[in-house]
């Protein structure tokens, strides 16, 4: 399973569409562990680009602080699950919280 996390200065970027990089975290949900982590530059912001771009990179889940409802729908269209309202933690901590079931979705930090 691959998780994408929008990053800014080593922590979760609160505005998904304008992050500088994405952490791509490979996890083994059966063994409950992170197997690989890489940070890749985000493409230039264009509406609708990120769902297919992340799908091409094998992403199954996005963990975000905030994301607009249209973007959430576009991710659902390409079978990528979305968790919004995540805290501004590092990618490893967020992936570990997801794996151990303690990553609770909070309020969406984006209102568009």
C-alpha atoms as a PDB file:
ATOM      1  CA  UNK A   1       0.000   0.000   0.000  1.00  0.00           C
ATOM      2  CA  UNK A   2       1.281   3.489  -0.834  1.00  0.00           C
ATOM      3  CA  UNK A   3       0.307   6.637   1.069  1.00  0.00           C
ATOM      4  CA  UNK A   4       0.847  10.161  -0.291  1.00  0.00           C
ATOM      5  CA  UNK A   5       1.297  13.017   2.158  1.00  0.00           C
ATOM      6  CA  UNK A   6       1.660  16.662   1.019  1.00  0.00           C
ATOM      7  CA  UNK A   7       4.721  18.139   2.720  1.00  0.00           C
ATOM      8  CA  UNK A   8       6.001  21.586   3.631  1.00  0.00           C
ATOM      9  CA  UNK A   9       9.209  22.035   5.651  1.00  0.00           C
ATOM     10  CA  UNK A  10       9.227  18.429   6.877  1.00  0.00           C
ATOM     11  CA  UNK A  11       5.620  18.349   8.054  1.00  0.00           C
ATOM     12  CA  UNK A  12       2.158  17.884   6.595  1.00  0.00           C
ATOM     13  CA  UNK A  13       1.212  20.861   4.406  1.00  0.00           C
ATOM     14  CA  UNK A  14      -2.193  22.111   5.478  1.00  0.00           C
ATOM     15  CA  UNK A  15      -3.237  23.166   1.961  1.00  0.00           C
ATOM     16  CA  UNK A  16      -3.023  20.073  -0.205  1.00  0.00           C
ATOM     17  CA  UNK A  17      -2.927  21.626  -3.682  1.00  0.00           C
ATOM     18  CA  UNK A  18      -0.055  24.003  -2.971  1.00  0.00           C
ATOM     19  CA  UNK A  19       2.513  21.751  -1.300  1.00  0.00           C
ATOM     20  CA  UNK A  20       6.133  21.684  -2.487  1.00  0.00           C
ATOM     21  CA  UNK A  21       6.673  17.936  -2.184  1.00  0.00           C
ATOM     22  CA  UNK A  22       4.849  14.701  -1.503  1.00  0.00           C
ATOM     23  CA  UNK A  23       6.075  12.002   0.827  1.00  0.00           C
ATOM     24  CA  UNK A  24       5.321   8.634  -0.761  1.00  0.00           C
ATOM     25  CA  UNK A  25       5.219   6.117   2.054  1.00  0.00           C
ATOM     26  CA  UNK A  26       5.051   2.400   1.298  1.00  0.00           C
ATOM     27  CA  UNK A  27       3.481   0.453   4.132  1.00  0.00           C
ATOM     28  CA  UNK A  28       2.717  -3.162   4.850  1.00  0.00           C
ATOM     29  CA  UNK A  29      -0.651  -3.108   6.643  1.00  0.00           C
ATOM     30  CA  UNK A  30      -0.365  -6.807   7.534  1.00  0.00           C
ATOM     31  CA  UNK A  31       2.993  -6.375   9.269  1.00  0.00           C
ATOM     32  CA  UNK A  32       1.939  -2.888  10.414  1.00  0.00           C
ATOM     33  CA  UNK A  33       5.185  -1.244   9.287  1.00  0.00           C
ATOM     34  CA  UNK A  34       6.666   1.307   6.920  1.00  0.00           C
ATOM     35  CA  UNK A  35       8.714  -0.387   4.199  1.00  0.00           C
ATOM     36  CA  UNK A  36       9.939   2.657   2.219  1.00  0.00           C
ATOM     37  CA  UNK A  37       9.685   6.427   2.202  1.00  0.00           C
ATOM     38  CA  UNK A  38      10.618   8.876  -0.549  1.00  0.00           C
ATOM     39  CA  UNK A  39       9.924  12.561  -1.008  1.00  0.00           C
ATOM     40  CA  UNK A  40       9.195  13.731  -4.552  1.00  0.00           C
ATOM     41  CA  UNK A  41       8.654  17.241  -5.940  1.00  0.00           C
ATOM     42  CA  UNK A  42       5.023  18.115  -6.526  1.00  0.00           C
ATOM     43  CA  UNK A  43       4.017  19.110 -10.056  1.00  0.00           C
ATOM     44  CA  UNK A  44       2.940  22.684 -10.743  1.00  0.00           C
ATOM     45  CA  UNK A  45      -0.558  23.308  -9.411  1.00  0.00           C
ATOM     46  CA  UNK A  46      -3.232  22.659 -12.016  1.00  0.00           C
ATOM     47  CA  UNK A  47      -6.848  21.822 -11.169  1.00  0.00           C
ATOM     48  CA  UNK A  48      -7.499  18.098 -11.500  1.00  0.00           C
ATOM     49  CA  UNK A  49      -3.865  17.106 -12.116  1.00  0.00           C
ATOM     50  CA  UNK A  50      -2.929  15.552  -8.765  1.00  0.00           C
ATOM     51  CA  UNK A  51      -5.358  12.588  -8.636  1.00  0.00           C
ATOM     52  CA  UNK A  52      -4.125  10.968 -11.883  1.00  0.00           C
ATOM     53  CA  UNK A  53      -0.517  12.033 -11.162  1.00  0.00           C
ATOM     54  CA  UNK A  54      -0.581  10.289  -7.774  1.00  0.00           C
ATOM     55  CA  UNK A  55      -2.467   7.275  -9.169  1.00  0.00           C
ATOM     56  CA  UNK A  56       0.334   6.822 -11.752  1.00  0.00           C
ATOM     57  CA  UNK A  57       2.735   6.619  -8.807  1.00  0.00           C
ATOM     58  CA  UNK A  58       0.775   3.803  -7.185  1.00  0.00           C
ATOM     59  CA  UNK A  59      -0.912   5.807  -4.441  1.00  0.00           C
ATOM     60  CA  UNK A  60      -3.841   4.158  -2.607  1.00  0.00           C
ATOM     61  CA  UNK A  61      -4.432   6.728   0.146  1.00  0.00           C
ATOM     62  CA  UNK A  62      -3.874  10.453   0.672  1.00  0.00           C
ATOM     63  CA  UNK A  63      -3.481  11.901   4.156  1.00  0.00           C
ATOM     64  CA  UNK A  64      -4.162  15.653   4.133  1.00  0.00           C
ATOM     65  CA  UNK A  65      -4.809  18.547   6.446  1.00  0.00           C
ATOM     66  CA  UNK A  66      -7.286  20.143   4.113  1.00  0.00           C
ATOM     67  CA  UNK A  67      -8.729  19.491   0.690  1.00  0.00           C
ATOM     68  CA  UNK A  68     -11.666  20.905  -1.227  1.00  0.00           C
ATOM     69  CA  UNK A  69     -14.724  18.754  -1.836  1.00  0.00           C
ATOM     70  CA  UNK A  70     -14.146  18.753  -5.613  1.00  0.00           C
ATOM     71  CA  UNK A  71     -10.625  17.390  -5.118  1.00  0.00           C
ATOM     72  CA  UNK A  72     -11.907  14.687  -2.756  1.00  0.00           C
ATOM     73  CA  UNK A  73     -14.361  13.636  -5.454  1.00  0.00           C
ATOM     74  CA  UNK A  74     -11.613  13.509  -8.089  1.00  0.00           C
ATOM     75  CA  UNK A  75      -9.551  11.217  -5.849  1.00  0.00           C
ATOM     76  CA  UNK A  76     -12.552   8.970  -5.284  1.00  0.00           C
ATOM     77  CA  UNK A  77     -13.016   8.802  -9.082  1.00  0.00           C
ATOM     78  CA  UNK A  78      -9.535   7.226  -9.424  1.00  0.00           C
ATOM     79  CA  UNK A  79      -9.995   4.923  -6.398  1.00  0.00           C
ATOM     80  CA  UNK A  80      -7.698   6.806  -4.022  1.00  0.00           C
ATOM     81  CA  UNK A  81      -9.019   7.080  -0.452  1.00  0.00           C
ATOM     82  CA  UNK A  82      -8.636  10.411   1.370  1.00  0.00           C
ATOM     83  CA  UNK A  83      -8.258  11.222   5.064  1.00  0.00           C
ATOM     84  CA  UNK A  84      -8.554  14.953   5.858  1.00  0.00           C
ATOM     85  CA  UNK A  85      -8.006  16.862   9.055  1.00  0.00           C
ATOM     86  CA  UNK A  86      -4.671  15.218   9.866  1.00  0.00           C
ATOM     87  CA  UNK A  87      -2.291  17.021  12.235  1.00  0.00           C
ATOM     88  CA  UNK A  88       0.881  18.776  11.019  1.00  0.00           C
ATOM     89  CA  UNK A  89       3.272  15.897  11.774  1.00  0.00           C
ATOM     90  CA  UNK A  90       6.119  14.340   9.798  1.00  0.00           C
ATOM     91  CA  UNK A  91       5.280  11.705   7.179  1.00  0.00           C
ATOM     92  CA  UNK A  92       6.586   8.769   9.225  1.00  0.00           C
ATOM     93  CA  UNK A  93       4.482   9.740  12.236  1.00  0.00           C
ATOM     94  CA  UNK A  94       1.329  10.126  10.121  1.00  0.00           C
ATOM     95  CA  UNK A  95       1.851   6.775   8.388  1.00  0.00           C
ATOM     96  CA  UNK A  96       2.472   5.100  11.754  1.00  0.00           C
ATOM     97  CA  UNK A  97      -0.705   6.658  13.181  1.00  0.00           C
ATOM     98  CA  UNK A  98      -2.644   5.368  10.180  1.00  0.00           C
ATOM     99  CA  UNK A  99      -1.204   1.863  10.598  1.00  0.00           C
ATOM    100  CA  UNK A 100      -1.939   1.659  14.317  1.00  0.00           C
ATOM    101  CA  UNK A 101      -5.446   3.109  13.932  1.00  0.00           C
ATOM    102  CA  UNK A 102      -4.834   6.316  15.868  1.00  0.00           C
ATOM    103  CA  UNK A 103      -5.075   8.706  12.888  1.00  0.00           C
ATOM    104  CA  UNK A 104      -8.465  10.262  13.410  1.00  0.00           C
ATOM    105  CA  UNK A 105      -9.893  12.488  10.714  1.00  0.00           C
ATOM    106  CA  UNK A 106     -10.393  15.978  12.068  1.00  0.00           C
ATOM    107  CA  UNK A 107     -11.986  19.062  10.636  1.00  0.00           C
ATOM    108  CA  UNK A 108     -11.048  19.772   7.043  1.00  0.00           C
ATOM    109  CA  UNK A 109      -8.576  22.669   6.993  1.00  0.00           C
ATOM    110  CA  UNK A 110      -9.842  23.679   3.531  1.00  0.00           C
ATOM    111  CA  UNK A 111     -13.208  25.303   2.894  1.00  0.00           C
ATOM    112  CA  UNK A 112     -13.423  25.247  -0.915  1.00  0.00           C
END
